[in-house]
Every structure is written in structure tokens, then in C-alpha cells.
Amino acid sequence: MDLAPEQLQFLRIPDLLREATSIPKLSPKTFYLITLTLIFPLSFAILAHSLFTHPLLSQVQTYPQADPARARHEWTVLLLFQFFYLIFLFAFSLLSTAATVFTVASIYTSKPVSFSSTMSAIPKVFKRLFVTFLWVSLLMMIYNFVFLAFLVLLIIAIDTQNVFLLLFSVVVIFLLFLVVHVYITAMWHLASVVSVLEPVYGFAAMKKSYELLKGKILYAGVLVFMYLAICVVIGVVFSLVVVHGGRKYGVFVRIVVGGFLVGVLVIVNLVGLLAQSVFYYVCKSYHHEGIDKSALHDHLGGYLGEYVPLKSSIQMENLEI
């Protein structure tokens, strides 16, 4: 579909998702390899995590009094597993984002696309995304601390005998927490795209993302909430059937359901990464910020050692999506 620059800002969510799902058709081999080597391991790890931690937690709860030494050993194993899982999760999340955003931008600028060129660009892109991720993590730590502080103060301040008022206050604070969480997640996703496609990263990318989200906060919130809701549903079904369904379901059923859910999560993650790339162009169009395709082409070439300084005047020219 060819869209004039002024039409991008009016792109509805169903149309955005339709455009996002059509992008892999332009370079099927590249996206197939990205999905197989990056997005699939990430999706598998997210679901399989509970499959491995459940027996570890069961063992930890079994030995605390009967065998303290064994309990300490099980806690050590559990903590090490969690530590390496988080490293794997964050690394493949950033790698998947870097590969997808770079490939989509290369397609938009008619730059030759291949899996090898994408992998060659990842080291420099990864560094920028990692710095941005550290700033977002700091922001998340601060707002989580504030949330917990408010929750503690609420419990102390309100008479615990008034159960209705206490529950109502907790629900209100939780909803505010959820809204802020969705907003920060949207800002993080957009800042990740900014870190790849513009000569800024870290706090500067977050600031740029904040500016681009103005006027599109509800739009972004719906996208992020849809993604999180689908992931929660997949996780719950996986936990009920595959992790805790041993007595109710046979091994074959659990394997089939588990494999199906991993496949669904792979598709959801891929579409989510593609959608955040398209959403960047929607925000740029909404704020009437031009994107010079030749300048973006040169900027992407910089990750491959072909750097040419970005042009000072940026104009939107026939963006095709």
C-alpha cells in the first residue's frame, strides 16, 4: 500500500497491523531466519521458564526444615537459573528488536536486505539499545518504588477494618500503576526504534519518544495493552495445561498445546516488533516530522561501516509501507 505522508497519521490500528504483517513478504528469507534464530528462542524461553522453575520451587519448599543444607543448595540453583534466564531474556529481546527494526528500515529505504547484513549491523545497534534499556530500567525501578511506597502508606493510613475502602484504594492505585506501566512500556518500545533510526539513544531517545507519543498516547496504549493481554492469556493457558496439568492431561496433549502456544507467542512477538516499527512512522507523520529516505539509508549504512553524515534538513519523501 502506498500512503502519502499526511495519511500515515490517520492509519488505524487494524490497518497498522495489516501493514506490519505484510512486511515479511518483502524479504521472507531474512525474516524467517530472524524469527528462527532470535524470536523463537526468546518466545520459547518465556514460556519454558515456568516449566523449569516449578519443580525447583517445589524442591525448595520441601527441604527448609528437614534438610537446611539441601534447601540452601536448591535456593542457589534457583537463583542462578533466574539470573541466567534474565540475561538470556534481555539479550534476545534487544537482539530481536535490533534485527527487526533495522531490517524494516532497510526495506523502507530500498537498501539491500539480507540476514548477514542485519547480523553485521547488530553489534552497533545493540550497544545503543542497551544504553536506552538501562535508562528505561532506571525509570521502571523508580516508579515501582513509588508504587510500593504509596501502597505501604495507604495500608498504614487507612483503617484496615474498613475493608471496602481499603480494597477500593488498592484497586485505584493498581489501575494507576497499570496505566503508568503501559505508558512506560510504549515509550520504551518507541525509544528502541528511535535508538536505531536516529542519531540519539539513551536518555535522549527516551525524551524523543516522549515527544513523539504526544497525541498518540491512547493509540500506543491500546497496542501495548493488546500485546500484554495476549501474552498473559498465553502464559496462563501454558501454566494451567503444560506446567500444572500433568494429572489432568496426558503427555501428548501437553506437548501439542505447549508447541502450539510457543508458535502463537512467536507470531505475537514478531508482529509486535513489526508494529512498533510502523508506529514510529505514524508518530513522525502526526508531528509533521519528515523522514528523508536517502538520509535514513546513509544512517543505516553507518552500522555497516558505510557512514555518511545525516542531512540537516529532513523531508518526508514518498514513504511506502
C-alpha atoms as a PDB file:
ATOM      1  CA  MET A   1       0.000   0.000   0.000  1.00  0.00           C
ATOM      2  CA  ASP A   2       1.319   3.449  -0.906  1.00  0.00           C
ATOM      3  CA  LEU A   3       0.436   6.124   1.606  1.00  0.00           C
ATOM      4  CA  ALA A   4       1.047   9.842   1.311  1.00  0.00           C
ATOM      5  CA  PRO A   5       2.920  11.302   4.312  1.00  0.00           C
ATOM      6  CA  GLU A   6      -0.164  13.118   5.608  1.00  0.00           C
ATOM      7  CA  GLN A   7      -2.156   9.849   5.525  1.00  0.00           C
ATOM      8  CA  LEU A   8       0.152   7.996   7.903  1.00  0.00           C
ATOM      9  CA  GLN A   9      -1.093   9.849  10.963  1.00  0.00           C
ATOM     10  CA  PHE A  10      -4.626   8.604  10.252  1.00  0.00           C
ATOM     11  CA  LEU A  11      -3.572   4.958   9.992  1.00  0.00           C
ATOM     12  CA  ARG A  12      -5.932   2.950  12.219  1.00  0.00           C
ATOM     13  CA  ILE A  13      -4.742   0.102  14.416  1.00  0.00           C
ATOM     14  CA  PRO A  14      -6.208  -2.684  12.179  1.00  0.00           C
ATOM     15  CA  ASP A  15      -4.519  -1.055   9.161  1.00  0.00           C
ATOM     16  CA  LEU A  16      -1.249  -0.721  11.078  1.00  0.00           C
ATOM     17  CA  LEU A  17      -1.321  -4.405  11.994  1.00  0.00           C
ATOM     18  CA  ARG A  18      -2.164  -5.307   8.407  1.00  0.00           C
ATOM     19  CA  GLU A  19       0.837  -3.311   7.166  1.00  0.00           C
ATOM     20  CA  ALA A  20       3.063  -4.859   9.822  1.00  0.00           C
ATOM     21  CA  THR A  21       2.132  -8.411   8.833  1.00  0.00           C
ATOM     22  CA  SER A  22       2.736  -7.653   5.149  1.00  0.00           C
ATOM     23  CA  ILE A  23       6.348  -6.512   5.670  1.00  0.00           C
ATOM     24  CA  PRO A  24       7.913 -10.026   5.959  1.00  0.00           C
ATOM     25  CA  LYS A  25       6.633 -10.799   2.444  1.00  0.00           C
ATOM     26  CA  LEU A  26       9.120  -8.254   1.083  1.00  0.00           C
ATOM     27  CA  SER A  27      12.076 -10.262   2.390  1.00  0.00           C
ATOM     28  CA  PRO A  28      10.746 -13.646   3.545  1.00  0.00           C
ATOM     29  CA  LYS A  29      14.095 -15.404   3.925  1.00  0.00           C
ATOM     30  CA  THR A  30      15.538 -12.669   6.145  1.00  0.00           C
ATOM     31  CA  PHE A  31      12.532 -12.580   8.444  1.00  0.00           C
ATOM     32  CA  TYR A  32      12.359 -16.366   8.530  1.00  0.00           C
ATOM     33  CA  LEU A  33      15.959 -16.528   9.773  1.00  0.00           C
ATOM     34  CA  ILE A  34      15.418 -13.682  12.274  1.00  0.00           C
ATOM     35  CA  THR A  35      12.365 -15.474  13.625  1.00  0.00           C
ATOM     36  CA  LEU A  36      14.120 -18.824  13.819  1.00  0.00           C
ATOM     37  CA  THR A  37      17.374 -17.641  15.431  1.00  0.00           C
ATOM     38  CA  LEU A  38      16.164 -14.797  17.680  1.00  0.00           C
ATOM     39  CA  ILE A  39      12.414 -14.562  18.193  1.00  0.00           C
ATOM     40  CA  PHE A  40      11.782 -18.306  18.580  1.00  0.00           C
ATOM     41  CA  PRO A  41      14.414 -18.804  21.344  1.00  0.00           C
ATOM     42  CA  LEU A  42      13.049 -15.715  23.116  1.00  0.00           C
ATOM     43  CA  SER A  43       9.444 -16.944  22.955  1.00  0.00           C
ATOM     44  CA  PHE A  44      10.384 -20.477  23.978  1.00  0.00           C
ATOM     45  CA  ALA A  45      12.371 -19.199  26.962  1.00  0.00           C
ATOM     46  CA  ILE A  46       9.491 -17.007  28.162  1.00  0.00           C
ATOM     47  CA  LEU A  47       7.101 -19.968  28.345  1.00  0.00           C
ATOM     48  CA  ALA A  48       9.563 -22.715  29.265  1.00  0.00           C
ATOM     49  CA  HIS A  49      10.815 -20.639  32.202  1.00  0.00           C
ATOM     50  CA  SER A  50       7.885 -21.667  34.407  1.00  0.00           C
ATOM     51  CA  LEU A  51       8.258 -25.273  33.292  1.00  0.00           C
ATOM     52  CA  PHE A  52      11.743 -25.400  34.865  1.00  0.00           C
ATOM     53  CA  THR A  53      11.202 -23.142  37.877  1.00  0.00           C
ATOM     54  CA  HIS A  54       8.100 -25.028  39.082  1.00  0.00           C
ATOM     55  CA  PRO A  55       9.998 -28.212  40.117  1.00  0.00           C
ATOM     56  CA  LEU A  56      12.799 -26.083  41.611  1.00  0.00           C
ATOM     57  CA  LEU A  57      10.312 -24.166  43.744  1.00  0.00           C
ATOM     58  CA  SER A  58       8.713 -27.430  44.826  1.00  0.00           C
ATOM     59  CA  GLN A  59      12.078 -28.749  45.993  1.00  0.00           C
ATOM     60  CA  VAL A  60      12.850 -25.503  47.841  1.00  0.00           C
ATOM     61  CA  GLN A  61       9.584 -25.799  49.749  1.00  0.00           C
ATOM     62  CA  THR A  62      10.277 -29.452  50.576  1.00  0.00           C
ATOM     63  CA  TYR A  63      13.646 -29.164  52.369  1.00  0.00           C
ATOM     64  CA  PRO A  64      13.663 -25.999  54.543  1.00  0.00           C
ATOM     65  CA  GLN A  65      13.285 -27.809  57.893  1.00  0.00           C
ATOM     66  CA  ALA A  66      14.140 -31.419  57.088  1.00  0.00           C
ATOM     67  CA  ASP A  67      17.456 -30.649  55.381  1.00  0.00           C
ATOM     68  CA  PRO A  68      18.696 -26.998  55.626  1.00  0.00           C
ATOM     69  CA  ALA A  69      21.870 -27.730  53.647  1.00  0.00           C
ATOM     70  CA  ARG A  70      19.851 -29.204  50.786  1.00  0.00           C
ATOM     71  CA  ALA A  71      17.483 -26.221  50.957  1.00  0.00           C
ATOM     72  CA  ARG A  72      20.405 -23.766  50.587  1.00  0.00           C
ATOM     73  CA  HIS A  73      21.626 -25.759  47.594  1.00  0.00           C
ATOM     74  CA  GLU A  74      18.200 -25.651  45.954  1.00  0.00           C
ATOM     75  CA  TRP A  75      17.941 -21.894  46.582  1.00  0.00           C
ATOM     76  CA  THR A  76      21.353 -21.404  44.974  1.00  0.00           C
ATOM     77  CA  VAL A  77      20.331 -23.403  41.910  1.00  0.00           C
ATOM     78  CA  LEU A  78      17.053 -21.465  41.641  1.00  0.00           C
ATOM     79  CA  LEU A  79      18.725 -18.053  41.925  1.00  0.00           C
ATOM     80  CA  LEU A  80      21.414 -18.959  39.387  1.00  0.00           C
ATOM     81  CA  PHE A  81      18.761 -20.199  36.990  1.00  0.00           C
ATOM     82  CA  GLN A  82      16.807 -16.951  37.409  1.00  0.00           C
ATOM     83  CA  PHE A  83      19.948 -14.880  36.894  1.00  0.00           C
ATOM     84  CA  PHE A  84      20.932 -16.566  33.618  1.00  0.00           C
ATOM     85  CA  TYR A  85      17.312 -16.586  32.456  1.00  0.00           C
ATOM     86  CA  LEU A  86      17.050 -12.796  32.863  1.00  0.00           C
ATOM     87  CA  ILE A  87      20.320 -12.268  30.986  1.00  0.00           C
ATOM     88  CA  PHE A  88      19.106 -14.511  28.161  1.00  0.00           C
ATOM     89  CA  LEU A  89      15.709 -12.811  28.112  1.00  0.00           C
ATOM     90  CA  PHE A  90      17.055  -9.258  27.942  1.00  0.00           C
ATOM     91  CA  ALA A  91      19.781 -10.151  25.444  1.00  0.00           C
ATOM     92  CA  PHE A  92      17.452 -11.876  22.964  1.00  0.00           C
ATOM     93  CA  SER A  93      14.793  -9.212  23.445  1.00  0.00           C
ATOM     94  CA  LEU A  94      17.263  -6.499  22.444  1.00  0.00           C
ATOM     95  CA  LEU A  95      18.723  -8.617  19.641  1.00  0.00           C
ATOM     96  CA  SER A  96      15.259  -9.319  18.204  1.00  0.00           C
ATOM     97  CA  THR A  97      14.375  -5.627  18.365  1.00  0.00           C
ATOM     98  CA  ALA A  98      17.642  -4.577  16.732  1.00  0.00           C
ATOM     99  CA  ALA A  99      17.317  -7.086  13.893  1.00  0.00           C
ATOM    100  CA  THR A 100      13.647  -6.367  13.169  1.00  0.00           C
ATOM    101  CA  VAL A 101      13.827  -2.560  13.289  1.00  0.00           C
ATOM    102  CA  PHE A 102      16.994  -2.479  11.171  1.00  0.00           C
ATOM    103  CA  THR A 103      15.534  -4.841   8.572  1.00  0.00           C
ATOM    104  CA  VAL A 104      12.223  -2.965   8.319  1.00  0.00           C
ATOM    105  CA  ALA A 105      14.030   0.365   7.917  1.00  0.00           C
ATOM    106  CA  SER A 106      16.303  -1.124   5.255  1.00  0.00           C
ATOM    107  CA  ILE A 107      13.255  -2.298   3.308  1.00  0.00           C
ATOM    108  CA  TYR A 108      11.653   1.154   3.564  1.00  0.00           C
ATOM    109  CA  THR A 109      14.778   2.821   2.190  1.00  0.00           C
ATOM    110  CA  SER A 110      15.220   0.206  -0.570  1.00  0.00           C
ATOM    111  CA  LYS A 111      18.542  -0.788   0.974  1.00  0.00           C
ATOM    112  CA  PRO A 112      19.636  -4.346   0.065  1.00  0.00           C
ATOM    113  CA  VAL A 113      18.340  -6.653   2.795  1.00  0.00           C
ATOM    114  CA  SER A 114      19.863  -9.923   3.893  1.00  0.00           C
ATOM    115  CA  PHE A 115      20.238 -11.852   7.111  1.00  0.00           C
ATOM    116  CA  SER A 116      24.025 -11.461   7.021  1.00  0.00           C
ATOM    117  CA  SER A 117      23.848  -7.667   6.665  1.00  0.00           C
ATOM    118  CA  THR A 118      21.369  -7.488   9.542  1.00  0.00           C
ATOM    119  CA  MET A 119      23.624  -9.593  11.762  1.00  0.00           C
ATOM    120  CA  SER A 120      26.605  -7.414  10.802  1.00  0.00           C
ATOM    121  CA  ALA A 121      24.751  -4.300  11.944  1.00  0.00           C
ATOM    122  CA  ILE A 122      23.522  -5.759  15.237  1.00  0.00           C
ATOM    123  CA  PRO A 123      26.670  -5.126  17.380  1.00  0.00           C
ATOM    124  CA  LYS A 124      26.467  -1.329  16.956  1.00  0.00           C
ATOM    125  CA  VAL A 125      22.675  -1.285  17.165  1.00  0.00           C
ATOM    126  CA  PHE A 126      22.761  -3.478  20.272  1.00  0.00           C
ATOM    127  CA  LYS A 127      25.010  -1.032  22.148  1.00  0.00           C
ATOM    128  CA  ARG A 128      22.580   1.821  21.520  1.00  0.00           C
ATOM    129  CA  LEU A 129      19.563  -0.252  22.517  1.00  0.00           C
ATOM    130  CA  PHE A 130      21.311  -1.458  25.660  1.00  0.00           C
ATOM    131  CA  VAL A 131      22.013   2.093  26.853  1.00  0.00           C
ATOM    132  CA  THR A 132      18.382   3.032  26.192  1.00  0.00           C
ATOM    133  CA  PHE A 133      17.262  -0.090  28.051  1.00  0.00           C
ATOM    134  CA  LEU A 134      19.360   0.892  31.097  1.00  0.00           C
ATOM    135  CA  TRP A 135      17.651   4.294  31.240  1.00  0.00           C
ATOM    136  CA  VAL A 136      14.213   2.699  30.916  1.00  0.00           C
ATOM    137  CA  SER A 137      15.104   0.170  33.627  1.00  0.00           C
ATOM    138  CA  LEU A 138      16.089   3.026  35.937  1.00  0.00           C
ATOM    139  CA  LEU A 139      12.752   4.702  35.265  1.00  0.00           C
ATOM    140  CA  MET A 140      10.895   1.440  35.965  1.00  0.00           C
ATOM    141  CA  MET A 141      12.764   0.950  39.236  1.00  0.00           C
ATOM    142  CA  ILE A 142      11.801   4.452  40.352  1.00  0.00           C
ATOM    143  CA  TYR A 143       8.116   4.092  39.539  1.00  0.00           C
ATOM    144  CA  ASN A 144       7.975   0.606  41.111  1.00  0.00           C
ATOM    145  CA  PHE A 145       9.497   2.026  44.293  1.00  0.00           C
ATOM    146  CA  VAL A 146       6.992   4.885  44.289  1.00  0.00           C
ATOM    147  CA  PHE A 147       4.123   2.426  43.763  1.00  0.00           C
ATOM    148  CA  LEU A 148       5.209   0.230  46.670  1.00  0.00           C
ATOM    149  CA  ALA A 149       5.722   3.281  48.877  1.00  0.00           C
ATOM    150  CA  PHE A 150       2.209   4.545  48.139  1.00  0.00           C
ATOM    151  CA  LEU A 151       0.789   1.077  48.780  1.00  0.00           C
ATOM    152  CA  VAL A 152       2.508   0.818  52.171  1.00  0.00           C
ATOM    153  CA  LEU A 153       1.445   4.332  53.166  1.00  0.00           C
ATOM    154  CA  LEU A 154      -2.111   3.530  52.098  1.00  0.00           C
ATOM    155  CA  ILE A 155      -2.265   0.422  54.260  1.00  0.00           C
ATOM    156  CA  ILE A 156      -0.880   2.367  57.214  1.00  0.00           C
ATOM    157  CA  ALA A 157      -3.123   5.412  56.745  1.00  0.00           C
ATOM    158  CA  ILE A 158      -6.437   3.649  56.103  1.00  0.00           C
ATOM    159  CA  ASP A 159      -8.252   1.819  58.827  1.00  0.00           C
ATOM    160  CA  THR A 160      -7.776  -1.849  57.976  1.00  0.00           C
ATOM    161  CA  GLN A 161     -11.173  -2.617  59.468  1.00  0.00           C
ATOM    162  CA  ASN A 162     -12.809  -0.715  56.623  1.00  0.00           C
ATOM    163  CA  VAL A 163     -12.276  -3.476  54.083  1.00  0.00           C
ATOM    164  CA  PHE A 164     -14.279  -1.828  51.293  1.00  0.00           C
ATOM    165  CA  LEU A 165     -12.318   1.430  51.413  1.00  0.00           C
ATOM    166  CA  LEU A 166      -9.021  -0.447  51.586  1.00  0.00           C
ATOM    167  CA  LEU A 167      -9.858  -2.648  48.584  1.00  0.00           C
ATOM    168  CA  PHE A 168     -11.162   0.327  46.604  1.00  0.00           C
ATOM    169  CA  SER A 169      -7.968   2.292  47.268  1.00  0.00           C
ATOM    170  CA  VAL A 170      -5.763  -0.665  46.331  1.00  0.00           C
ATOM    171  CA  VAL A 171      -7.687  -1.159  43.071  1.00  0.00           C
ATOM    172  CA  VAL A 172      -7.361   2.537  42.182  1.00  0.00           C
ATOM    173  CA  ILE A 173      -3.613   2.532  42.857  1.00  0.00           C
ATOM    174  CA  PHE A 174      -3.213  -0.711  40.893  1.00  0.00           C
ATOM    175  CA  LEU A 175      -5.068   0.772  37.907  1.00  0.00           C
ATOM    176  CA  LEU A 176      -2.859   3.866  38.037  1.00  0.00           C
ATOM    177  CA  PHE A 177       0.179   1.587  38.229  1.00  0.00           C
ATOM    178  CA  LEU A 178      -1.067  -0.364  35.193  1.00  0.00           C
ATOM    179  CA  VAL A 179      -1.631   2.839  33.198  1.00  0.00           C
ATOM    180  CA  VAL A 180       1.859   4.106  34.024  1.00  0.00           C
ATOM    181  CA  HIS A 181       3.341   0.677  33.233  1.00  0.00           C
ATOM    182  CA  VAL A 182       1.658   0.606  29.823  1.00  0.00           C
ATOM    183  CA  TYR A 183       2.813   4.161  29.091  1.00  0.00           C
ATOM    184  CA  ILE A 184       6.440   3.465  30.046  1.00  0.00           C
ATOM    185  CA  THR A 185       6.368   0.251  28.009  1.00  0.00           C
ATOM    186  CA  ALA A 186       5.080   2.192  24.980  1.00  0.00           C
ATOM    187  CA  MET A 187       7.766   4.819  25.477  1.00  0.00           C
ATOM    188  CA  TRP A 188      10.422   2.105  25.755  1.00  0.00           C
ATOM    189  CA  HIS A 189       9.330   0.387  22.538  1.00  0.00           C
ATOM    190  CA  LEU A 190       9.263   3.659  20.625  1.00  0.00           C
ATOM    191  CA  ALA A 191      12.595   4.747  22.141  1.00  0.00           C
ATOM    192  CA  SER A 192      14.088   1.461  20.903  1.00  0.00           C
ATOM    193  CA  VAL A 193      13.086   2.318  17.334  1.00  0.00           C
ATOM    194  CA  VAL A 194      14.394   5.865  17.770  1.00  0.00           C
ATOM    195  CA  SER A 195      17.726   4.484  19.027  1.00  0.00           C
ATOM    196  CA  VAL A 196      18.145   2.547  15.782  1.00  0.00           C
ATOM    197  CA  LEU A 197      16.817   5.033  13.242  1.00  0.00           C
ATOM    198  CA  GLU A 198      18.017   8.355  14.660  1.00  0.00           C
ATOM    199  CA  PRO A 199      21.433   9.560  15.899  1.00  0.00           C
ATOM    200  CA  VAL A 200      20.284   9.551  19.542  1.00  0.00           C
ATOM    201  CA  TYR A 201      19.990   6.875  22.215  1.00  0.00           C
ATOM    202  CA  GLY A 202      19.729   6.513  25.969  1.00  0.00           C
ATOM    203  CA  PHE A 203      18.013   9.396  27.757  1.00  0.00           C
ATOM    204  CA  ALA A 204      17.878  11.415  24.515  1.00  0.00           C
ATOM    205  CA  ALA A 205      15.956   8.589  22.817  1.00  0.00           C
ATOM    206  CA  MET A 206      13.523   8.446  25.744  1.00  0.00           C
ATOM    207  CA  LYS A 207      12.974  12.194  25.505  1.00  0.00           C
ATOM    208  CA  LYS A 208      12.400  11.916  21.758  1.00  0.00           C
ATOM    209  CA  SER A 209       9.980   9.035  22.333  1.00  0.00           C
ATOM    210  CA  TYR A 210       8.103  11.105  24.917  1.00  0.00           C
ATOM    211  CA  GLU A 211       7.687  13.902  22.367  1.00  0.00           C
ATOM    212  CA  LEU A 212       6.570  11.545  19.596  1.00  0.00           C
ATOM    213  CA  LEU A 213       3.947   9.917  21.841  1.00  0.00           C
ATOM    214  CA  LYS A 214       2.139  13.206  22.388  1.00  0.00           C
ATOM    215  CA  GLY A 215      -1.224  12.974  20.657  1.00  0.00           C
ATOM    216  CA  LYS A 216      -0.811   9.212  20.152  1.00  0.00           C
ATOM    217  CA  ILE A 217      -0.775   8.035  23.781  1.00  0.00           C
ATOM    218  CA  LEU A 218      -4.147   6.285  23.582  1.00  0.00           C
ATOM    219  CA  TYR A 219      -3.148   4.701  20.258  1.00  0.00           C
ATOM    220  CA  ALA A 220       0.085   3.384  21.765  1.00  0.00           C
ATOM    221  CA  GLY A 221      -1.666   2.308  24.955  1.00  0.00           C
ATOM    222  CA  VAL A 222      -4.137   0.158  23.045  1.00  0.00           C
ATOM    223  CA  LEU A 223      -1.334  -1.523  21.101  1.00  0.00           C
ATOM    224  CA  VAL A 224       0.736  -2.234  24.222  1.00  0.00           C
ATOM    225  CA  PHE A 225      -2.280  -3.393  26.234  1.00  0.00           C
ATOM    226  CA  MET A 226      -3.334  -5.758  23.426  1.00  0.00           C
ATOM    227  CA  TYR A 227       0.160  -7.227  23.304  1.00  0.00           C
ATOM    228  CA  LEU A 228       0.430  -7.637  27.088  1.00  0.00           C
ATOM    229  CA  ALA A 229      -3.084  -9.104  27.355  1.00  0.00           C
ATOM    230  CA  ILE A 230      -2.399 -11.708  24.661  1.00  0.00           C
ATOM    231  CA  CYS A 231       0.900 -12.647  26.326  1.00  0.00           C
ATOM    232  CA  VAL A 232      -0.849 -13.021  29.707  1.00  0.00           C
ATOM    233  CA  VAL A 233      -3.531 -15.278  28.205  1.00  0.00           C
ATOM    234  CA  ILE A 234      -0.874 -17.433  26.510  1.00  0.00           C
ATOM    235  CA  GLY A 235       1.101 -17.638  29.752  1.00  0.00           C
ATOM    236  CA  VAL A 236      -1.931 -18.596  31.839  1.00  0.00           C
ATOM    237  CA  VAL A 237      -3.038 -21.330  29.430  1.00  0.00           C
ATOM    238  CA  PHE A 238       0.529 -22.677  29.243  1.00  0.00           C
ATOM    239  CA  SER A 239       0.763 -22.742  33.037  1.00  0.00           C
ATOM    240  CA  LEU A 240      -2.606 -24.477  33.511  1.00  0.00           C
ATOM    241  CA  VAL A 241      -2.195 -27.100  30.804  1.00  0.00           C
ATOM    242  CA  VAL A 242       1.543 -27.710  30.370  1.00  0.00           C
ATOM    243  CA  VAL A 243       3.089 -26.835  33.748  1.00  0.00           C
ATOM    244  CA  HIS A 244       0.332 -27.835  36.206  1.00  0.00           C
ATOM    245  CA  GLY A 245      -1.770 -30.108  34.021  1.00  0.00           C
ATOM    246  CA  GLY A 246       0.214 -33.309  34.491  1.00  0.00           C
ATOM    247  CA  ARG A 247      -2.573 -35.127  36.333  1.00  0.00           C
ATOM    248  CA  LYS A 248      -5.382 -33.892  34.106  1.00  0.00           C
ATOM    249  CA  TYR A 249      -3.777 -34.011  30.661  1.00  0.00           C
ATOM    250  CA  GLY A 250      -1.595 -36.614  29.010  1.00  0.00           C
ATOM    251  CA  VAL A 251       1.966 -36.041  27.845  1.00  0.00           C
ATOM    252  CA  PHE A 252       0.912 -35.872  24.182  1.00  0.00           C
ATOM    253  CA  VAL A 253      -1.732 -33.203  24.846  1.00  0.00           C
ATOM    254  CA  ARG A 254       0.710 -31.121  26.888  1.00  0.00           C
ATOM    255  CA  ILE A 255       3.373 -31.320  24.175  1.00  0.00           C
ATOM    256  CA  VAL A 256       0.915 -30.357  21.434  1.00  0.00           C
ATOM    257  CA  VAL A 257      -0.568 -27.480  23.432  1.00  0.00           C
ATOM    258  CA  GLY A 258       2.873 -26.301  24.517  1.00  0.00           C
ATOM    259  CA  GLY A 259       4.213 -26.336  20.974  1.00  0.00           C
ATOM    260  CA  PHE A 260       1.134 -24.533  19.682  1.00  0.00           C
ATOM    261  CA  LEU A 261       1.392 -21.812  22.342  1.00  0.00           C
ATOM    262  CA  VAL A 262       5.090 -21.282  21.630  1.00  0.00           C
ATOM    263  CA  GLY A 263       4.229 -20.866  17.947  1.00  0.00           C
ATOM    264  CA  VAL A 264       1.486 -18.359  18.766  1.00  0.00           C
ATOM    265  CA  LEU A 265       3.837 -16.368  21.009  1.00  0.00           C
ATOM    266  CA  VAL A 266       6.462 -16.312  18.239  1.00  0.00           C
ATOM    267  CA  ILE A 267       3.897 -14.779  15.863  1.00  0.00           C
ATOM    268  CA  VAL A 268       2.730 -12.294  18.512  1.00  0.00           C
ATOM    269  CA  ASN A 269       6.302 -11.184  19.245  1.00  0.00           C
ATOM    270  CA  LEU A 270       7.149 -10.832  15.553  1.00  0.00           C
ATOM    271  CA  VAL A 271       4.021  -8.811  14.789  1.00  0.00           C
ATOM    272  CA  GLY A 272       4.659  -6.692  17.886  1.00  0.00           C
ATOM    273  CA  LEU A 273       8.184  -5.824  16.740  1.00  0.00           C
ATOM    274  CA  LEU A 274       6.963  -5.023  13.234  1.00  0.00           C
ATOM    275  CA  ALA A 275       4.077  -2.915  14.585  1.00  0.00           C
ATOM    276  CA  GLN A 276       6.364  -0.794  16.751  1.00  0.00           C
ATOM    277  CA  SER A 277       8.479  -0.039  13.681  1.00  0.00           C
ATOM    278  CA  VAL A 278       5.432   1.092  11.679  1.00  0.00           C
ATOM    279  CA  PHE A 279       4.106   3.035  14.677  1.00  0.00           C
ATOM    280  CA  TYR A 280       7.305   5.121  14.660  1.00  0.00           C
ATOM    281  CA  TYR A 281       6.464   6.387  11.158  1.00  0.00           C
ATOM    282  CA  VAL A 282       2.878   7.082  12.238  1.00  0.00           C
ATOM    283  CA  CYS A 283       4.121   9.276  15.099  1.00  0.00           C
ATOM    284  CA  LYS A 284       6.624  11.067  12.867  1.00  0.00           C
ATOM    285  CA  SER A 285       3.873  11.837  10.369  1.00  0.00           C
ATOM    286  CA  TYR A 286       1.491  13.012  13.101  1.00  0.00           C
ATOM    287  CA  HIS A 287       4.055  15.566  14.269  1.00  0.00           C
ATOM    288  CA  HIS A 288       4.877  16.538  10.672  1.00  0.00           C
ATOM    289  CA  GLU A 289       8.483  15.419  11.083  1.00  0.00           C
ATOM    290  CA  GLY A 290       9.937  14.474   7.745  1.00  0.00           C
ATOM    291  CA  ILE A 291      11.968  11.354   7.042  1.00  0.00           C
ATOM    292  CA  ASP A 292      14.456  11.692   4.234  1.00  0.00           C
ATOM    293  CA  LYS A 293      14.780   8.153   2.884  1.00  0.00           C
ATOM    294  CA  SER A 294      18.241   8.804   1.459  1.00  0.00           C
ATOM    295  CA  ALA A 295      19.449  10.225   4.805  1.00  0.00           C
ATOM    296  CA  LEU A 296      17.990   7.236   6.644  1.00  0.00           C
ATOM    297  CA  HIS A 297      19.664   4.960   4.088  1.00  0.00           C
ATOM    298  CA  ASP A 298      23.021   6.583   4.875  1.00  0.00           C
ATOM    299  CA  HIS A 299      22.383   6.361   8.617  1.00  0.00           C
ATOM    300  CA  LEU A 300      21.693   2.625   8.382  1.00  0.00           C
ATOM    301  CA  GLY A 301      24.831   2.232   6.306  1.00  0.00           C
ATOM    302  CA  GLY A 302      26.783   3.670   9.225  1.00  0.00           C
ATOM    303  CA  TYR A 303      26.135   0.463  11.172  1.00  0.00           C
ATOM    304  CA  LEU A 304      27.882  -1.416   8.396  1.00  0.00           C
ATOM    305  CA  GLY A 305      30.865   0.926   8.163  1.00  0.00           C
ATOM    306  CA  GLU A 306      29.349   2.987   5.356  1.00  0.00           C
ATOM    307  CA  TYR A 307      28.550   6.057   7.448  1.00  0.00           C
ATOM    308  CA  VAL A 308      27.559   9.282   5.735  1.00  0.00           C
ATOM    309  CA  PRO A 309      26.540  12.243   7.982  1.00  0.00           C
ATOM    310  CA  LEU A 310      22.811  12.785   8.270  1.00  0.00           C
ATOM    311  CA  LYS A 311      21.424  15.668   6.274  1.00  0.00           C
ATOM    312  CA  SER A 312      20.480  18.713   8.293  1.00  0.00           C
ATOM    313  CA  SER A 313      17.188  19.291   6.513  1.00  0.00           C
ATOM    314  CA  ILE A 314      14.909  16.286   6.727  1.00  0.00           C
ATOM    315  CA  GLN A 315      11.914  15.991   4.443  1.00  0.00           C
ATOM    316  CA  MET A 316       9.298  13.263   4.157  1.00  0.00           C
ATOM    317  CA  GLU A 317       9.515  11.785   0.674  1.00  0.00           C
ATOM    318  CA  ASN A 318       7.089   9.160  -0.552  1.00  0.00           C
ATOM    319  CA  LEU A 319       7.263   6.811   2.394  1.00  0.00           C
ATOM    320  CA  GLU A 320       5.950   3.445   1.226  1.00  0.00           C
ATOM    321  CA  ILE A 321       4.571   0.905   3.619  1.00  0.00           C
END
